[in-house]
Amino acid sequence: MTIEFEDEQSQSFDFDFQDVAKQVIEAVLDQEKCPYEADVSLVLTDNEGIQHTNREFRGIDKATDVLSFPMVDFPAPADYSILEEDESCFHPDSGELILGDIMISVPRALEQSMEYGHSVKREYAFLIAHSMLHLLGYDHMEDDERKVMEEKQEQVLRYLKIERR
């Protein structure tokens, strides 16, 4: 697995943010039975950076906590059958499945951790799990989809013992 990290902000963490990201990404891929090694890009930014990206790519001129940019248009969540016929989804050198990009606003993650009364590590891990599910084709536009995503996110965090406290 390859995780390309880009840190565009100045906040530091009291945990190894790269290690936590790796654990969460691997746990989601295992949970969703991904049969491939994967390539994911993770950008840590500030509110201004994520607002700019949100405006540019989604037409929404406000900061948000996380953005997901999937590279694969799965026909159904975690339905890997489409990949058998499309070599363009794989990195030409490593052969890894290119899932896409995750962008997290660290200041929003800090605010939300205080708002929800749990650790920054838990909020960070939650945002990565949430975004990874988007990269695998999950969505939460409908209530039933939202419930599925919420349960899958919680399963990953329980498995990693990153609980609400």
C-alpha atoms as a PDB file:
ATOM      1  CA  MET A   1       0.000   0.000   0.000  1.00  0.00           C
ATOM      2  CA  THR A   2       1.154   3.485  -0.808  1.00  0.00           C
ATOM      3  CA  ILE A   3      -0.062   6.545   1.065  1.00  0.00           C
ATOM      4  CA  GLU A   4       1.159   9.824  -0.317  1.00  0.00           C
ATOM      5  CA  PHE A   5       1.138  12.381   2.518  1.00  0.00           C
ATOM      6  CA  GLU A   6       1.091  16.123   1.996  1.00  0.00           C
ATOM      7  CA  ASP A   7       1.011  18.403   5.038  1.00  0.00           C
ATOM      8  CA  GLU A   8       0.049  21.973   4.093  1.00  0.00           C
ATOM      9  CA  GLN A   9      -0.751  23.191   7.585  1.00  0.00           C
ATOM     10  CA  SER A  10       1.110  24.027  10.799  1.00  0.00           C
ATOM     11  CA  GLN A  11      -0.763  22.069  13.495  1.00  0.00           C
ATOM     12  CA  SER A  12       1.099  19.225  15.185  1.00  0.00           C
ATOM     13  CA  PHE A  13      -0.479  16.123  16.703  1.00  0.00           C
ATOM     14  CA  ASP A  14       0.194  14.218  19.929  1.00  0.00           C
ATOM     15  CA  PHE A  15       0.081  10.959  17.937  1.00  0.00           C
ATOM     16  CA  ASP A  16       1.782   9.647  14.805  1.00  0.00           C
ATOM     17  CA  PHE A  17      -0.685  10.906  12.198  1.00  0.00           C
ATOM     18  CA  GLN A  18       0.904   8.910   9.384  1.00  0.00           C
ATOM     19  CA  ASP A  19       0.735   5.659  11.359  1.00  0.00           C
ATOM     20  CA  VAL A  20      -2.911   6.261  12.339  1.00  0.00           C
ATOM     21  CA  ALA A  21      -3.800   7.006   8.711  1.00  0.00           C
ATOM     22  CA  LYS A  22      -2.108   3.797   7.584  1.00  0.00           C
ATOM     23  CA  GLN A  23      -3.944   1.735  10.218  1.00  0.00           C
ATOM     24  CA  VAL A  24      -7.344   3.207   9.318  1.00  0.00           C
ATOM     25  CA  ILE A  25      -6.839   2.869   5.554  1.00  0.00           C
ATOM     26  CA  GLU A  26      -5.697  -0.756   5.914  1.00  0.00           C
ATOM     27  CA  ALA A  27      -8.613  -1.552   8.236  1.00  0.00           C
ATOM     28  CA  VAL A  28     -11.165  -0.116   5.793  1.00  0.00           C
ATOM     29  CA  LEU A  29      -9.599  -1.987   2.863  1.00  0.00           C
ATOM     30  CA  ASP A  30      -9.631  -5.233   4.872  1.00  0.00           C
ATOM     31  CA  GLN A  31     -13.200  -4.683   6.074  1.00  0.00           C
ATOM     32  CA  GLU A  32     -14.343  -4.016   2.513  1.00  0.00           C
ATOM     33  CA  LYS A  33     -12.395  -7.032   1.229  1.00  0.00           C
ATOM     34  CA  CYS A  34     -10.368  -5.067  -1.294  1.00  0.00           C
ATOM     35  CA  PRO A  35      -8.395  -7.688  -3.241  1.00  0.00           C
ATOM     36  CA  TYR A  36      -5.737  -5.192  -4.361  1.00  0.00           C
ATOM     37  CA  GLU A  37      -2.920  -3.197  -2.866  1.00  0.00           C
ATOM     38  CA  ALA A  38      -4.027   0.427  -2.916  1.00  0.00           C
ATOM     39  CA  ASP A  39      -2.618   3.896  -3.512  1.00  0.00           C
ATOM     40  CA  VAL A  40      -4.220   6.782  -1.576  1.00  0.00           C
ATOM     41  CA  SER A  41      -3.245  10.446  -1.315  1.00  0.00           C
ATOM     42  CA  LEU A  42      -3.855  12.222   2.010  1.00  0.00           C
ATOM     43  CA  VAL A  43      -3.577  16.005   2.208  1.00  0.00           C
ATOM     44  CA  LEU A  44      -3.710  17.789   5.554  1.00  0.00           C
ATOM     45  CA  THR A  45      -4.659  21.410   5.104  1.00  0.00           C
ATOM     46  CA  ASP A  46      -6.238  24.367   6.879  1.00  0.00           C
ATOM     47  CA  ASN A  47      -9.717  25.894   6.544  1.00  0.00           C
ATOM     48  CA  GLU A  48      -8.627  28.248   3.770  1.00  0.00           C
ATOM     49  CA  GLY A  49      -7.062  25.431   1.766  1.00  0.00           C
ATOM     50  CA  ILE A  50     -10.075  23.164   1.987  1.00  0.00           C
ATOM     51  CA  GLN A  51     -12.457  26.062   1.289  1.00  0.00           C
ATOM     52  CA  HIS A  52     -10.519  26.867  -1.887  1.00  0.00           C
ATOM     53  CA  THR A  53     -10.659  23.229  -3.015  1.00  0.00           C
ATOM     54  CA  ASN A  54     -14.334  22.924  -2.072  1.00  0.00           C
ATOM     55  CA  ARG A  55     -15.140  26.044  -4.104  1.00  0.00           C
ATOM     56  CA  GLU A  56     -13.035  24.953  -7.068  1.00  0.00           C
ATOM     57  CA  PHE A  57     -14.265  21.365  -7.349  1.00  0.00           C
ATOM     58  CA  ARG A  58     -17.726  21.407  -5.785  1.00  0.00           C
ATOM     59  CA  GLY A  59     -18.849  25.016  -6.229  1.00  0.00           C
ATOM     60  CA  ILE A  60     -19.364  25.349  -2.465  1.00  0.00           C
ATOM     61  CA  ASP A  61     -17.574  28.392  -1.058  1.00  0.00           C
ATOM     62  CA  LYS A  62     -17.083  27.285   2.545  1.00  0.00           C
ATOM     63  CA  ALA A  63     -14.702  25.235   4.633  1.00  0.00           C
ATOM     64  CA  THR A  64     -15.606  21.637   5.427  1.00  0.00           C
ATOM     65  CA  ASP A  65     -13.969  18.908   7.475  1.00  0.00           C
ATOM     66  CA  VAL A  66     -13.031  16.430   4.740  1.00  0.00           C
ATOM     67  CA  LEU A  67     -13.202  16.077   0.978  1.00  0.00           C
ATOM     68  CA  SER A  68     -12.938  12.836  -0.965  1.00  0.00           C
ATOM     69  CA  PHE A  69     -11.919  12.565  -4.600  1.00  0.00           C
ATOM     70  CA  PRO A  70     -12.492   8.986  -5.804  1.00  0.00           C
ATOM     71  CA  MET A  71     -10.619   7.827  -8.878  1.00  0.00           C
ATOM     72  CA  VAL A  72     -12.833   4.780  -9.485  1.00  0.00           C
ATOM     73  CA  ASP A  73     -16.520   4.994 -10.355  1.00  0.00           C
ATOM     74  CA  PHE A  74     -17.673   1.816  -8.611  1.00  0.00           C
ATOM     75  CA  PRO A  75     -21.015   0.466  -9.937  1.00  0.00           C
ATOM     76  CA  ALA A  76     -21.911  -0.382  -6.325  1.00  0.00           C
ATOM     77  CA  PRO A  77     -19.975   0.181  -3.084  1.00  0.00           C
ATOM     78  CA  ALA A  78     -16.830  -1.957  -2.937  1.00  0.00           C
ATOM     79  CA  ASP A  79     -17.810  -3.801  -6.133  1.00  0.00           C
ATOM     80  CA  TYR A  80     -14.376  -4.556  -7.520  1.00  0.00           C
ATOM     81  CA  SER A  81     -15.646  -6.462 -10.593  1.00  0.00           C
ATOM     82  CA  ILE A  82     -15.361  -3.343 -12.778  1.00  0.00           C
ATOM     83  CA  LEU A  83     -11.604  -3.289 -12.174  1.00  0.00           C
ATOM     84  CA  GLU A  84     -11.011  -6.563 -14.002  1.00  0.00           C
ATOM     85  CA  GLU A  85     -11.531  -4.780 -17.324  1.00  0.00           C
ATOM     86  CA  ASP A  86      -9.972  -1.388 -16.618  1.00  0.00           C
ATOM     87  CA  GLU A  87      -6.207  -1.239 -16.277  1.00  0.00           C
ATOM     88  CA  SER A  88      -6.324   2.571 -16.065  1.00  0.00           C
ATOM     89  CA  CYS A  89      -7.361   2.244 -12.394  1.00  0.00           C
ATOM     90  CA  PHE A  90      -3.943   0.824 -11.515  1.00  0.00           C
ATOM     91  CA  HIS A  91      -0.620   2.578 -11.087  1.00  0.00           C
ATOM     92  CA  PRO A  92       1.545   1.633 -14.090  1.00  0.00           C
ATOM     93  CA  ASP A  93       4.690   1.135 -11.986  1.00  0.00           C
ATOM     94  CA  SER A  94       3.444  -0.352  -8.710  1.00  0.00           C
ATOM     95  CA  GLY A  95       0.302  -2.088  -9.986  1.00  0.00           C
ATOM     96  CA  GLU A  96      -1.613  -0.664  -7.024  1.00  0.00           C
ATOM     97  CA  LEU A  97      -5.256   0.342  -7.300  1.00  0.00           C
ATOM     98  CA  ILE A  98      -5.395   4.158  -7.391  1.00  0.00           C
ATOM     99  CA  LEU A  99      -8.325   4.904  -5.081  1.00  0.00           C
ATOM    100  CA  GLY A 100      -8.086   8.687  -4.931  1.00  0.00           C
ATOM    101  CA  ASP A 101      -7.450  11.648  -2.666  1.00  0.00           C
ATOM    102  CA  ILE A 102      -8.513  12.587   0.836  1.00  0.00           C
ATOM    103  CA  MET A 103      -8.218  16.181   2.052  1.00  0.00           C
ATOM    104  CA  ILE A 104      -8.703  16.963   5.748  1.00  0.00           C
ATOM    105  CA  SER A 105      -8.983  20.391   7.358  1.00  0.00           C
ATOM    106  CA  VAL A 106      -7.000  19.951  10.552  1.00  0.00           C
ATOM    107  CA  PRO A 107      -8.525  23.027  12.256  1.00  0.00           C
ATOM    108  CA  ARG A 108     -12.038  21.640  11.573  1.00  0.00           C
ATOM    109  CA  ALA A 109     -10.985  18.242  12.920  1.00  0.00           C
ATOM    110  CA  LEU A 110      -9.725  19.947  16.100  1.00  0.00           C
ATOM    111  CA  GLU A 111     -12.973  21.926  16.463  1.00  0.00           C
ATOM    112  CA  GLN A 112     -15.112  18.845  15.900  1.00  0.00           C
ATOM    113  CA  SER A 113     -13.159  16.746  18.390  1.00  0.00           C
ATOM    114  CA  MET A 114     -13.948  19.352  21.078  1.00  0.00           C
ATOM    115  CA  GLU A 115     -17.552  19.702  19.900  1.00  0.00           C
ATOM    116  CA  TYR A 116     -18.148  15.925  20.012  1.00  0.00           C
ATOM    117  CA  GLY A 117     -16.125  15.430  23.192  1.00  0.00           C
ATOM    118  CA  HIS A 118     -13.592  12.950  21.926  1.00  0.00           C
ATOM    119  CA  SER A 119      -9.888  12.944  21.082  1.00  0.00           C
ATOM    120  CA  VAL A 120      -8.330  14.566  18.042  1.00  0.00           C
ATOM    121  CA  LYS A 121      -6.974  11.128  17.122  1.00  0.00           C
ATOM    122  CA  ARG A 122     -10.501   9.721  17.071  1.00  0.00           C
ATOM    123  CA  GLU A 123     -11.822  12.568  14.902  1.00  0.00           C
ATOM    124  CA  TYR A 124      -8.873  12.253  12.510  1.00  0.00           C
ATOM    125  CA  ALA A 125      -9.360   8.467  12.254  1.00  0.00           C
ATOM    126  CA  PHE A 126     -13.112   8.917  11.767  1.00  0.00           C
ATOM    127  CA  LEU A 127     -12.601  11.399   8.907  1.00  0.00           C
ATOM    128  CA  ILE A 128     -10.186   9.035   7.174  1.00  0.00           C
ATOM    129  CA  ALA A 129     -12.528   6.045   7.574  1.00  0.00           C
ATOM    130  CA  HIS A 130     -15.436   8.144   6.275  1.00  0.00           C
ATOM    131  CA  SER A 131     -13.453   9.339   3.285  1.00  0.00           C
ATOM    132  CA  MET A 132     -12.087   5.873   2.487  1.00  0.00           C
ATOM    133  CA  LEU A 133     -15.636   4.576   2.266  1.00  0.00           C
ATOM    134  CA  HIS A 134     -16.387   7.356  -0.228  1.00  0.00           C
ATOM    135  CA  LEU A 135     -13.311   6.321  -2.239  1.00  0.00           C
ATOM    136  CA  LEU A 136     -14.772   2.800  -2.342  1.00  0.00           C
ATOM    137  CA  GLY A 137     -18.096   4.032  -3.697  1.00  0.00           C
ATOM    138  CA  TYR A 138     -20.182   4.503  -0.557  1.00  0.00           C
ATOM    139  CA  ASP A 139     -22.363   7.574  -0.120  1.00  0.00           C
ATOM    140  CA  HIS A 140     -24.759   8.999   2.455  1.00  0.00           C
ATOM    141  CA  MET A 141     -27.258  10.952   0.375  1.00  0.00           C
ATOM    142  CA  GLU A 142     -30.120   8.657   1.407  1.00  0.00           C
ATOM    143  CA  ASP A 143     -30.927   7.715   4.992  1.00  0.00           C
ATOM    144  CA  ASP A 144     -30.285   3.990   4.444  1.00  0.00           C
ATOM    145  CA  GLU A 145     -26.898   4.757   2.834  1.00  0.00           C
ATOM    146  CA  ARG A 146     -26.001   7.021   5.764  1.00  0.00           C
ATOM    147  CA  LYS A 147     -26.791   4.247   8.267  1.00  0.00           C
ATOM    148  CA  VAL A 148     -24.613   1.764   6.369  1.00  0.00           C
ATOM    149  CA  MET A 149     -21.687   4.208   6.263  1.00  0.00           C
ATOM    150  CA  GLU A 150     -22.035   5.090   9.940  1.00  0.00           C
ATOM    151  CA  GLU A 151     -21.969   1.435  10.966  1.00  0.00           C
ATOM    152  CA  LYS A 152     -18.962   0.669   8.751  1.00  0.00           C
ATOM    153  CA  GLN A 153     -17.054   3.682  10.145  1.00  0.00           C
ATOM    154  CA  GLU A 154     -17.772   2.620  13.714  1.00  0.00           C
ATOM    155  CA  GLN A 155     -16.743  -0.991  12.970  1.00  0.00           C
ATOM    156  CA  VAL A 156     -13.323   0.173  11.779  1.00  0.00           C
ATOM    157  CA  LEU A 157     -12.787   2.462  14.769  1.00  0.00           C
ATOM    158  CA  ARG A 158     -13.888  -0.278  17.223  1.00  0.00           C
ATOM    159  CA  TYR A 159     -11.551  -2.759  15.533  1.00  0.00           C
ATOM    160  CA  LEU A 160      -8.663  -0.295  15.941  1.00  0.00           C
ATOM    161  CA  LYS A 161      -9.773   0.496  19.516  1.00  0.00           C
ATOM    162  CA  ILE A 162     -10.113   4.189  18.688  1.00  0.00           C
ATOM    163  CA  GLU A 163     -13.222   4.769  20.770  1.00  0.00           C
ATOM    164  CA  ARG A 164     -15.166   7.831  21.835  1.00  0.00           C
ATOM    165  CA  ARG A 165     -14.044   8.975  25.275  1.00  0.00           C
END
